[in-house]
PDB file of N, CA and C in Angstrom:
ATOM      1  N   UNK A   1      10.225  10.452 -10.410  1.00  0.00           N
ATOM      2  CA  UNK A   1       9.844  11.425  -9.402  1.00  0.00           C
ATOM      3  C   UNK A   1       8.580  10.997  -8.672  1.00  0.00           C
ATOM      4  N   UNK A   2       7.578  10.542  -9.417  1.00  0.00           N
ATOM      5  CA  UNK A   2       6.338  10.127  -8.771  1.00  0.00           C
ATOM      6  C   UNK A   2       6.578   8.940  -7.850  1.00  0.00           C
ATOM      7  N   UNK A   3       7.440   8.014  -8.249  1.00  0.00           N
ATOM      8  CA  UNK A   3       7.744   6.856  -7.414  1.00  0.00           C
ATOM      9  C   UNK A   3       8.391   7.249  -6.113  1.00  0.00           C
ATOM     10  N   UNK A   4       9.300   8.249  -6.152  1.00  0.00           N
ATOM     11  CA  UNK A   4       9.952   8.672  -4.919  1.00  0.00           C
ATOM     12  C   UNK A   4       8.969   9.356  -3.987  1.00  0.00           C
ATOM     13  N   UNK A   5       7.987  10.066  -4.536  1.00  0.00           N
ATOM     14  CA  UNK A   5       6.974  10.709  -3.702  1.00  0.00           C
ATOM     15  C   UNK A   5       6.135   9.650  -2.995  1.00  0.00           C
ATOM     16  N   UNK A   6       5.772   8.577  -3.708  1.00  0.00           N
ATOM     17  CA  UNK A   6       5.003   7.502  -3.108  1.00  0.00           C
ATOM     18  C   UNK A   6       5.810   6.834  -2.007  1.00  0.00           C
ATOM     19  N   UNK A   7       7.099   6.583  -2.254  1.00  0.00           N
ATOM     20  CA  UNK A   7       7.961   5.952  -1.262  1.00  0.00           C
ATOM     21  C   UNK A   7       8.082   6.820  -0.022  1.00  0.00           C
ATOM     22  N   UNK A   8       8.280   8.124  -0.204  1.00  0.00           N
ATOM     23  CA  UNK A   8       8.420   9.031   0.935  1.00  0.00           C
ATOM     24  C   UNK A   8       7.128   9.085   1.734  1.00  0.00           C
ATOM     25  N   UNK A   9       6.005   9.168   1.048  1.00  0.00           N
ATOM     26  CA  UNK A   9       4.729   9.215   1.738  1.00  0.00           C
ATOM     27  C   UNK A   9       4.495   7.913   2.481  1.00  0.00           C
ATOM     28  N   UNK A  10       4.864   6.793   1.881  1.00  0.00           N
ATOM     29  CA  UNK A  10       4.700   5.497   2.538  1.00  0.00           C
ATOM     30  C   UNK A  10       5.556   5.399   3.789  1.00  0.00           C
ATOM     31  N   UNK A  11       6.766   5.935   3.725  1.00  0.00           N
ATOM     32  CA  UNK A  11       7.654   5.877   4.884  1.00  0.00           C
ATOM     33  C   UNK A  11       7.066   6.662   6.047  1.00  0.00           C
ATOM     34  N   UNK A  12       6.542   7.826   5.767  1.00  0.00           N
ATOM     35  CA  UNK A  12       5.912   8.616   6.828  1.00  0.00           C
ATOM     36  C   UNK A  12       4.681   7.882   7.344  1.00  0.00           C
ATOM     37  N   UNK A  13       3.937   7.250   6.451  1.00  0.00           N
ATOM     38  CA  UNK A  13       2.747   6.519   6.875  1.00  0.00           C
ATOM     39  C   UNK A  13       3.106   5.358   7.787  1.00  0.00           C
ATOM     40  N   UNK A  14       4.193   4.667   7.488  1.00  0.00           N
ATOM     41  CA  UNK A  14       4.624   3.557   8.339  1.00  0.00           C
ATOM     42  C   UNK A  14       4.986   4.081   9.720  1.00  0.00           C
ATOM     43  N   UNK A  15       5.682   5.196   9.761  1.00  0.00           N
ATOM     44  CA  UNK A  15       6.024   5.785  11.056  1.00  0.00           C
ATOM     45  C   UNK A  15       4.764   6.236  11.788  1.00  0.00           C
ATOM     46  N   UNK A  16       3.795   6.740  11.045  1.00  0.00           N
ATOM     47  CA  UNK A  16       2.512   7.109  11.637  1.00  0.00           C
ATOM     48  C   UNK A  16       1.843   5.880  12.229  1.00  0.00           C
ATOM     49  N   UNK A  17       1.933   4.750  11.536  1.00  0.00           N
ATOM     50  CA  UNK A  17       1.370   3.506  12.053  1.00  0.00           C
ATOM     51  C   UNK A  17       2.003   3.138  13.381  1.00  0.00           C
ATOM     52  N   UNK A  18       3.306   3.299  13.461  1.00  0.00           N
ATOM     53  CA  UNK A  18       4.007   3.002  14.709  1.00  0.00           C
ATOM     54  C   UNK A  18       3.475   3.886  15.833  1.00  0.00           C
ATOM     55  N   UNK A  19       3.361   5.167  15.552  1.00  0.00           N
ATOM     56  CA  UNK A  19       2.868   6.085  16.575  1.00  0.00           C
ATOM     57  C   UNK A  19       1.428   5.755  16.953  1.00  0.00           C
ATOM     58  N   UNK A  20       0.602   5.410  15.963  1.00  0.00           N
ATOM     59  CA  UNK A  20      -0.788   5.044  16.246  1.00  0.00           C
ATOM     60  C   UNK A  20      -0.845   3.763  17.075  1.00  0.00           C
ATOM     61  N   UNK A  21       0.017   2.800  16.757  1.00  0.00           N
ATOM     62  CA  UNK A  21       0.045   1.551  17.518  1.00  0.00           C
ATOM     63  C   UNK A  21       0.431   1.818  18.964  1.00  0.00           C
ATOM     64  N   UNK A  22       1.388   2.704  19.163  1.00  0.00           N
ATOM     65  CA  UNK A  22       1.801   3.052  20.511  1.00  0.00           C
ATOM     66  C   UNK A  22       0.654   3.747  21.242  1.00  0.00           C
ATOM     67  N   UNK A  23      -0.045   4.631  20.557  1.00  0.00           N
ATOM     68  CA  UNK A  23      -1.175   5.327  21.175  1.00  0.00           C
ATOM     69  C   UNK A  23      -2.283   4.340  21.526  1.00  0.00           C
ATOM     70  N   UNK A  24      -2.539   3.389  20.620  1.00  0.00           N
ATOM     71  CA  UNK A  24      -3.585   2.400  20.867  1.00  0.00           C
ATOM     72  C   UNK A  24      -3.240   1.514  22.052  1.00  0.00           C
ATOM     73  N   UNK A  25      -1.959   1.333  22.286  1.00  0.00           N
ATOM     74  CA  UNK A  25      -1.521   0.502  23.407  1.00  0.00           C
ATOM     75  C   UNK A  25      -1.472   1.298  24.702  1.00  0.00           C
ATOM     76  N   UNK A  26      -2.038   2.496  24.705  1.00  0.00           N
ATOM     77  CA  UNK A  26      -2.092   3.363  25.877  1.00  0.00           C
ATOM     78  C   UNK A  26      -0.718   3.834  26.338  1.00  0.00           C
ATOM     79  N   UNK A  27       0.219   3.911  25.402  1.00  0.00           N
ATOM     80  CA  UNK A  27       1.517   4.499  25.713  1.00  0.00           C
ATOM     81  C   UNK A  27       1.305   6.000  25.676  1.00  0.00           C
ATOM     82  N   UNK A  28       1.748   6.697  26.707  1.00  0.00           N
ATOM     83  CA  UNK A  28       1.547   8.136  26.724  1.00  0.00           C
ATOM     84  C   UNK A  28       2.855   8.838  26.410  1.00  0.00           C
ATOM     85  N   UNK A  29       2.741  10.100  26.078  1.00  0.00           N
ATOM     86  CA  UNK A  29       3.921  10.892  25.807  1.00  0.00           C
ATOM     87  C   UNK A  29       3.893  11.462  24.409  1.00  0.00           C
ATOM     88  N   UNK A  30       5.065  11.910  23.996  1.00  0.00           N
ATOM     89  CA  UNK A  30       5.221  12.552  22.702  1.00  0.00           C
ATOM     90  C   UNK A  30       6.227  11.778  21.881  1.00  0.00           C
ATOM     91  N   UNK A  31       5.892  11.545  20.625  1.00  0.00           N
ATOM     92  CA  UNK A  31       6.801  10.912  19.678  1.00  0.00           C
ATOM     93  C   UNK A  31       6.899  11.816  18.466  1.00  0.00           C
ATOM     94  N   UNK A  32       8.109  12.224  18.162  1.00  0.00           N
ATOM     95  CA  UNK A  32       8.357  13.043  16.968  1.00  0.00           C
ATOM     96  C   UNK A  32       7.506  14.313  16.940  1.00  0.00           C
ATOM     97  N   UNK A  33       7.327  14.908  18.102  1.00  0.00           N
ATOM     98  CA  UNK A  33       6.578  16.153  18.191  1.00  0.00           C
ATOM     99  C   UNK A  33       5.076  15.983  18.219  1.00  0.00           C
ATOM    100  N   UNK A  34       4.604  14.749  18.292  1.00  0.00           N
ATOM    101  CA  UNK A  34       3.169  14.487  18.297  1.00  0.00           C
ATOM    102  C   UNK A  34       2.781  13.831  19.613  1.00  0.00           C
ATOM    103  N   UNK A  35       1.800  14.409  20.287  1.00  0.00           N
ATOM    104  CA  UNK A  35       1.270  13.814  21.501  1.00  0.00           C
ATOM    105  C   UNK A  35       0.474  12.573  21.108  1.00  0.00           C
ATOM    106  N   UNK A  36       0.869  11.419  21.652  1.00  0.00           N
ATOM    107  CA  UNK A  36       0.245  10.162  21.260  1.00  0.00           C
ATOM    108  C   UNK A  36      -1.246  10.120  21.595  1.00  0.00           C
ATOM    109  N   UNK A  37      -1.621  10.698  22.719  1.00  0.00           N
ATOM    110  CA  UNK A  37      -3.041  10.739  23.070  1.00  0.00           C
ATOM    111  C   UNK A  37      -3.835  11.563  22.070  1.00  0.00           C
ATOM    112  N   UNK A  38      -3.275  12.698  21.661  1.00  0.00           N
ATOM    113  CA  UNK A  38      -3.945  13.539  20.667  1.00  0.00           C
ATOM    114  C   UNK A  38      -4.068  12.813  19.338  1.00  0.00           C
ATOM    115  N   UNK A  39      -3.008  12.080  18.963  1.00  0.00           N
ATOM    116  CA  UNK A  39      -3.050  11.349  17.701  1.00  0.00           C
ATOM    117  C   UNK A  39      -4.121  10.263  17.748  1.00  0.00           C
ATOM    118  N   UNK A  40      -4.192   9.567  18.869  1.00  0.00           N
ATOM    119  CA  UNK A  40      -5.213   8.519  18.999  1.00  0.00           C
ATOM    120  C   UNK A  40      -6.603   9.128  18.924  1.00  0.00           C
ATOM    121  N   UNK A  41      -6.815  10.210  19.653  1.00  0.00           N
ATOM    122  CA  UNK A  41      -8.130  10.853  19.662  1.00  0.00           C
ATOM    123  C   UNK A  41      -8.504  11.399  18.284  1.00  0.00           C
ATOM    124  N   UNK A  42      -7.536  12.000  17.589  1.00  0.00           N
ATOM    125  CA  UNK A  42      -7.818  12.657  16.316  1.00  0.00           C
ATOM    126  C   UNK A  42      -7.879  11.693  15.135  1.00  0.00           C
ATOM    127  N   UNK A  43      -7.037  10.674  15.130  1.00  0.00           N
ATOM    128  CA  UNK A  43      -6.905   9.797  13.965  1.00  0.00           C
ATOM    129  C   UNK A  43      -7.419   8.383  14.193  1.00  0.00           C
ATOM    130  N   UNK A  44      -7.670   8.030  15.431  1.00  0.00           N
ATOM    131  CA  UNK A  44      -8.040   6.663  15.758  1.00  0.00           C
ATOM    132  C   UNK A  44      -9.277   6.148  15.053  1.00  0.00           C
ATOM    133  N   UNK A  45     -10.314   6.957  14.960  1.00  0.00           N
ATOM    134  CA  UNK A  45     -11.551   6.466  14.339  1.00  0.00           C
ATOM    135  C   UNK A  45     -11.369   6.249  12.841  1.00  0.00           C
ATOM    136  N   UNK A  46     -10.555   7.081  12.194  1.00  0.00           N
ATOM    137  CA  UNK A  46     -10.297   6.913  10.761  1.00  0.00           C
ATOM    138  C   UNK A  46      -9.478   5.651  10.511  1.00  0.00           C
ATOM    139  N   UNK A  47      -8.528   5.362  11.401  1.00  0.00           N
ATOM    140  CA  UNK A  47      -7.601   4.235  11.223  1.00  0.00           C
ATOM    141  C   UNK A  47      -8.124   2.913  11.771  1.00  0.00           C
ATOM    142  N   UNK A  48      -9.236   2.942  12.451  1.00  0.00           N
ATOM    143  CA  UNK A  48      -9.764   1.712  13.061  1.00  0.00           C
ATOM    144  C   UNK A  48     -10.208   0.719  11.997  1.00  0.00           C
ATOM    145  N   UNK A  49      -9.934  -0.548  12.266  1.00  0.00           N
ATOM    146  CA  UNK A  49     -10.413  -1.596  11.354  1.00  0.00           C
ATOM    147  C   UNK A  49     -11.930  -1.477  11.221  1.00  0.00           C
ATOM    148  N   UNK A  50     -12.409  -1.541   9.980  1.00  0.00           N
ATOM    149  CA  UNK A  50     -13.840  -1.452   9.726  1.00  0.00           C
ATOM    150  C   UNK A  50     -14.370  -0.034   9.596  1.00  0.00           C
ATOM    151  N   UNK A  51     -13.517   0.972   9.769  1.00  0.00           N
ATOM    152  CA  UNK A  51     -13.968   2.363   9.654  1.00  0.00           C
ATOM    153  C   UNK A  51     -14.462   2.639   8.242  1.00  0.00           C
ATOM    154  N   UNK A  52     -15.514   3.429   8.155  1.00  0.00           N
ATOM    155  CA  UNK A  52     -16.062   3.821   6.856  1.00  0.00           C
ATOM    156  C   UNK A  52     -15.937   5.328   6.632  1.00  0.00           C
ATOM    157  N   UNK A  53     -15.167   5.987   7.472  1.00  0.00           N
ATOM    158  CA  UNK A  53     -14.977   7.428   7.299  1.00  0.00           C
ATOM    159  C   UNK A  53     -14.272   7.679   5.967  1.00  0.00           C
ATOM    160  N   UNK A  54     -14.767   8.647   5.211  1.00  0.00           N
ATOM    161  CA  UNK A  54     -14.217   8.932   3.878  1.00  0.00           C
ATOM    162  C   UNK A  54     -12.858   9.617   3.946  1.00  0.00           C
ATOM    163  N   UNK A  55     -12.662  10.438   4.944  1.00  0.00           N
ATOM    164  CA  UNK A  55     -11.420  11.201   5.061  1.00  0.00           C
ATOM    165  C   UNK A  55     -11.030  11.311   6.526  1.00  0.00           C
ATOM    166  N   UNK A  56      -9.723  11.467   6.771  1.00  0.00           N
ATOM    167  CA  UNK A  56      -9.329  11.767   8.153  1.00  0.00           C
ATOM    168  C   UNK A  56      -9.864  13.153   8.514  1.00  0.00           C
ATOM    169  N   UNK A  57     -10.132  13.360   9.762  1.00  0.00           N
ATOM    170  CA  UNK A  57     -10.658  14.657  10.204  1.00  0.00           C
ATOM    171  C   UNK A  57      -9.606  15.754  10.039  1.00  0.00           C
ATOM    172  N   UNK A  58     -10.069  16.970  10.021  1.00  0.00           N
ATOM    173  CA  UNK A  58      -9.146  18.097   9.992  1.00  0.00           C
ATOM    174  C   UNK A  58      -8.237  18.088  11.208  1.00  0.00           C
ATOM    175  N   UNK A  59      -8.773  17.638  12.329  1.00  0.00           N
ATOM    176  CA  UNK A  59      -7.984  17.543  13.553  1.00  0.00           C
ATOM    177  C   UNK A  59      -6.860  16.512  13.371  1.00  0.00           C
ATOM    178  N   UNK A  60      -7.163  15.389  12.734  1.00  0.00           N
ATOM    179  CA  UNK A  60      -6.147  14.364  12.482  1.00  0.00           C
ATOM    180  C   UNK A  60      -5.038  14.937  11.589  1.00  0.00           C
ATOM    181  N   UNK A  61      -5.427  15.593  10.525  1.00  0.00           N
ATOM    182  CA  UNK A  61      -4.437  16.198   9.626  1.00  0.00           C
ATOM    183  C   UNK A  61      -3.597  17.221  10.378  1.00  0.00           C
ATOM    184  N   UNK A  62      -4.250  18.008  11.241  1.00  0.00           N
ATOM    185  CA  UNK A  62      -3.534  19.016  12.012  1.00  0.00           C
ATOM    186  C   UNK A  62      -2.510  18.404  12.948  1.00  0.00           C
ATOM    187  N   UNK A  63      -2.866  17.287  13.571  1.00  0.00           N
ATOM    188  CA  UNK A  63      -1.939  16.610  14.476  1.00  0.00           C
ATOM    189  C   UNK A  63      -0.718  16.126  13.690  1.00  0.00           C
ATOM    190  N   UNK A  64      -0.948  15.505  12.544  1.00  0.00           N
ATOM    191  CA  UNK A  64       0.165  14.987  11.751  1.00  0.00           C
ATOM    192  C   UNK A  64       1.028  16.111  11.181  1.00  0.00           C
ATOM    193  N   UNK A  65       0.408  17.238  10.854  1.00  0.00           N
ATOM    194  CA  UNK A  65       1.183  18.375  10.324  1.00  0.00           C
ATOM    195  C   UNK A  65       2.175  18.920  11.352  1.00  0.00           C
ATOM    196  N   UNK A  66       1.894  18.712  12.628  1.00  0.00           N
ATOM    197  CA  UNK A  66       2.796  19.187  13.682  1.00  0.00           C
ATOM    198  C   UNK A  66       3.973  18.251  13.900  1.00  0.00           C
ATOM    199  N   UNK A  67       3.932  17.083  13.275  1.00  0.00           N
ATOM    200  CA  UNK A  67       4.966  16.071  13.494  1.00  0.00           C
ATOM    201  C   UNK A  67       6.292  16.477  12.874  1.00  0.00           C
ATOM    202  N   UNK A  68       7.347  16.009  13.491  1.00  0.00           N
ATOM    203  CA  UNK A  68       8.691  16.146  12.937  1.00  0.00           C
ATOM    204  C   UNK A  68       8.846  15.001  11.937  1.00  0.00           C
ATOM    205  N   UNK A  69       8.763  15.322  10.651  1.00  0.00           N
ATOM    206  CA  UNK A  69       8.762  14.279   9.632  1.00  0.00           C
ATOM    207  C   UNK A  69      10.097  13.542   9.545  1.00  0.00           C
ATOM    208  N   UNK A  70      11.194  14.237   9.810  1.00  0.00           N
ATOM    209  CA  UNK A  70      12.494  13.553   9.813  1.00  0.00           C
ATOM    210  C   UNK A  70      12.522  12.488  10.903  1.00  0.00           C
ATOM    211  N   UNK A  71      11.995  12.818  12.050  1.00  0.00           N
ATOM    212  CA  UNK A  71      11.926  11.872  13.156  1.00  0.00           C
ATOM    213  C   UNK A  71      11.043  10.689  12.793  1.00  0.00           C
ATOM    214  N   UNK A  72       9.874  10.951  12.209  1.00  0.00           N
ATOM    215  CA  UNK A  72       8.981   9.868  11.818  1.00  0.00           C
ATOM    216  C   UNK A  72       9.656   8.944  10.807  1.00  0.00           C
ATOM    217  N   UNK A  73      10.403   9.523   9.885  1.00  0.00           N
ATOM    218  CA  UNK A  73      11.093   8.699   8.889  1.00  0.00           C
ATOM    219  C   UNK A  73      12.128   7.789   9.541  1.00  0.00           C
ATOM    220  N   UNK A  74      12.784   8.281  10.571  1.00  0.00           N
ATOM    221  CA  UNK A  74      13.769   7.449  11.278  1.00  0.00           C
ATOM    222  C   UNK A  74      13.097   6.280  11.987  1.00  0.00           C
ATOM    223  N   UNK A  75      11.849   6.454  12.400  1.00  0.00           N
ATOM    224  CA  UNK A  75      11.119   5.396  13.101  1.00  0.00           C
ATOM    225  C   UNK A  75      10.532   4.346  12.180  1.00  0.00           C
ATOM    226  N   UNK A  76      10.521   4.601  10.887  1.00  0.00           N
ATOM    227  CA  UNK A  76       9.807   3.720   9.975  1.00  0.00           C
ATOM    228  C   UNK A  76      10.282   2.273  10.047  1.00  0.00           C
ATOM    229  N   UNK A  77      11.513   2.033  10.445  1.00  0.00           N
ATOM    230  CA  UNK A  77      12.041   0.670  10.521  1.00  0.00           C
ATOM    231  C   UNK A  77      11.680  -0.011  11.842  1.00  0.00           C
ATOM    232  N   UNK A  78      11.060   0.708  12.738  1.00  0.00           N
ATOM    233  CA  UNK A  78      10.820   0.187  14.087  1.00  0.00           C
ATOM    234  C   UNK A  78       9.385  -0.272  14.337  1.00  0.00           C
ATOM    235  N   UNK A  79       8.547  -0.253  13.317  1.00  0.00           N
ATOM    236  CA  UNK A  79       7.151  -0.564  13.577  1.00  0.00           C
ATOM    237  C   UNK A  79       6.954  -2.038  13.913  1.00  0.00           C
ATOM    238  N   UNK A  80       5.891  -2.285  14.669  1.00  0.00           N
ATOM    239  CA  UNK A  80       5.578  -3.648  15.092  1.00  0.00           C
ATOM    240  C   UNK A  80       4.138  -3.969  14.757  1.00  0.00           C
ATOM    241  N   UNK A  81       3.453  -4.600  15.651  1.00  0.00           N
ATOM    242  CA  UNK A  81       2.070  -4.980  15.412  1.00  0.00           C
ATOM    243  C   UNK A  81       1.167  -3.768  15.579  1.00  0.00           C
ATOM    244  N   UNK A  82       0.077  -3.766  14.832  1.00  0.00           N
ATOM    245  CA  UNK A  82      -0.783  -2.596  14.804  1.00  0.00           C
ATOM    246  C   UNK A  82      -2.119  -2.794  15.499  1.00  0.00           C
ATOM    247  N   UNK A  83      -2.353  -3.955  16.086  1.00  0.00           N
ATOM    248  CA  UNK A  83      -3.582  -4.184  16.831  1.00  0.00           C
ATOM    249  C   UNK A  83      -4.833  -3.893  16.034  1.00  0.00           C
ATOM    250  N   UNK A  84      -5.650  -2.966  16.507  1.00  0.00           N
ATOM    251  CA  UNK A  84      -6.924  -2.664  15.857  1.00  0.00           C
ATOM    252  C   UNK A  84      -6.807  -1.601  14.774  1.00  0.00           C
ATOM    253  N   UNK A  85      -5.581  -1.230  14.424  1.00  0.00           N
ATOM    254  CA  UNK A  85      -5.370  -0.192  13.424  1.00  0.00           C
ATOM    255  C   UNK A  85      -5.313  -0.818  12.038  1.00  0.00           C
ATOM    256  N   UNK A  86      -6.061  -0.254  11.105  1.00  0.00           N
ATOM    257  CA  UNK A  86      -6.040  -0.686   9.715  1.00  0.00           C
ATOM    258  C   UNK A  86      -4.873   0.032   9.040  1.00  0.00           C
ATOM    259  N   UNK A  87      -3.801  -0.712   8.772  1.00  0.00           N
ATOM    260  CA  UNK A  87      -2.586  -0.128   8.214  1.00  0.00           C
ATOM    261  C   UNK A  87      -2.856   0.576   6.887  1.00  0.00           C
ATOM    262  N   UNK A  88      -3.707   0.007   6.057  1.00  0.00           N
ATOM    263  CA  UNK A  88      -4.017   0.618   4.765  1.00  0.00           C
ATOM    264  C   UNK A  88      -4.635   1.998   4.921  1.00  0.00           C
ATOM    265  N   UNK A  89      -5.545   2.120   5.869  1.00  0.00           N
ATOM    266  CA  UNK A  89      -6.178   3.428   6.087  1.00  0.00           C
ATOM    267  C   UNK A  89      -5.185   4.428   6.668  1.00  0.00           C
ATOM    268  N   UNK A  90      -4.371   3.974   7.602  1.00  0.00           N
ATOM    269  CA  UNK A  90      -3.386   4.886   8.187  1.00  0.00           C
ATOM    270  C   UNK A  90      -2.411   5.392   7.131  1.00  0.00           C
ATOM    271  N   UNK A  91      -2.073   4.535   6.183  1.00  0.00           N
ATOM    272  CA  UNK A  91      -1.139   4.938   5.137  1.00  0.00           C
ATOM    273  C   UNK A  91      -1.746   5.963   4.184  1.00  0.00           C
ATOM    274  N   UNK A  92      -3.060   6.110   4.198  1.00  0.00           N
ATOM    275  CA  UNK A  92      -3.723   7.097   3.344  1.00  0.00           C
ATOM    276  C   UNK A  92      -3.661   8.511   3.930  1.00  0.00           C
ATOM    277  N   UNK A  93      -3.416   8.612   5.206  1.00  0.00           N
ATOM    278  CA  UNK A  93      -3.533   9.913   5.873  1.00  0.00           C
ATOM    279  C   UNK A  93      -2.639  10.995   5.272  1.00  0.00           C
ATOM    280  N   UNK A  94      -1.329  10.789   5.102  1.00  0.00           N
ATOM    281  CA  UNK A  94      -0.521  11.892   4.558  1.00  0.00           C
ATOM    282  C   UNK A  94      -1.032  12.392   3.209  1.00  0.00           C
ATOM    283  N   UNK A  95      -1.387  11.495   2.317  1.00  0.00           N
ATOM    284  CA  UNK A  95      -1.885  11.893   1.003  1.00  0.00           C
ATOM    285  C   UNK A  95      -3.226  12.599   1.085  1.00  0.00           C
ATOM    286  N   UNK A  96      -4.130  12.076   1.902  1.00  0.00           N
ATOM    287  CA  UNK A  96      -5.459  12.682   2.022  1.00  0.00           C
ATOM    288  C   UNK A  96      -5.396  14.038   2.720  1.00  0.00           C
ATOM    289  N   UNK A  97      -4.379  14.228   3.546  1.00  0.00           N
ATOM    290  CA  UNK A  97      -4.225  15.505   4.246  1.00  0.00           C
ATOM    291  C   UNK A  97      -3.368  16.495   3.449  1.00  0.00           C
ATOM    292  N   UNK A  98      -2.782  16.052   2.345  1.00  0.00           N
ATOM    293  CA  UNK A  98      -1.935  16.936   1.540  1.00  0.00           C
ATOM    294  C   UNK A  98      -0.674  17.359   2.280  1.00  0.00           C
ATOM    295  N   UNK A  99      -0.124  16.447   3.058  1.00  0.00           N
ATOM    296  CA  UNK A  99       1.061  16.774   3.856  1.00  0.00           C
ATOM    297  C   UNK A  99       2.301  16.572   3.015  1.00  0.00           C
ATOM    298  N   UNK A 100       3.051  17.622   2.847  1.00  0.00           N
ATOM    299  CA  UNK A 100       4.312  17.582   2.104  1.00  0.00           C
ATOM    300  C   UNK A 100       5.473  17.747   3.046  1.00  0.00           C
ATOM    301  N   UNK A 101       6.641  17.967   2.488  1.00  0.00           N
ATOM    302  CA  UNK A 101       7.824  18.208   3.298  1.00  0.00           C
ATOM    303  C   UNK A 101       8.476  16.951   3.825  1.00  0.00           C
ATOM    304  N   UNK A 102       8.162  15.813   3.220  1.00  0.00           N
ATOM    305  CA  UNK A 102       8.797  14.571   3.635  1.00  0.00           C
ATOM    306  C   UNK A 102      10.240  14.594   3.137  1.00  0.00           C
ATOM    307  N   UNK A 103      11.217  14.293   4.002  1.00  0.00           N
ATOM    308  CA  UNK A 103      12.620  14.319   3.578  1.00  0.00           C
ATOM    309  C   UNK A 103      12.868  13.389   2.394  1.00  0.00           C
ATOM    310  N   UNK A 104      13.742  13.798   1.490  1.00  0.00           N
ATOM    311  CA  UNK A 104      14.003  13.006   0.281  1.00  0.00           C
ATOM    312  C   UNK A 104      14.636  11.653   0.607  1.00  0.00           C
ATOM    313  N   UNK A 105      15.306  11.527   1.728  1.00  0.00           N
ATOM    314  CA  UNK A 105      15.966  10.268   2.088  1.00  0.00           C
ATOM    315  C   UNK A 105      15.020   9.294   2.778  1.00  0.00           C
ATOM    316  N   UNK A 106      13.821   9.713   3.009  1.00  0.00           N
ATOM    317  CA  UNK A 106      12.867   8.906   3.775  1.00  0.00           C
ATOM    318  C   UNK A 106      12.360   7.733   2.958  1.00  0.00           C
TER     319      UNK A 106
END
């Protein structure tokens, strides 16, 4: 059970990385119910390479909580390069924000 929770959280984190990469590349619009500009503004400093922030901001957690997690899980296979985003830090966001509800198939 614990392994499946880690896998599900990782899948959402990978999809979050994709969305963050798109936001960092100045792609505008909405992906999976999340405004990319809002995600960049709210989560960008936490996910930036070299960031020393201890936790993602409440605003970052709030942005991710609005996401369609099923949609994010479907995107997990589509991620590409992450530019200035620290993938390890981005993958911490769902766990640090206490975000549940990740689909079991994710």
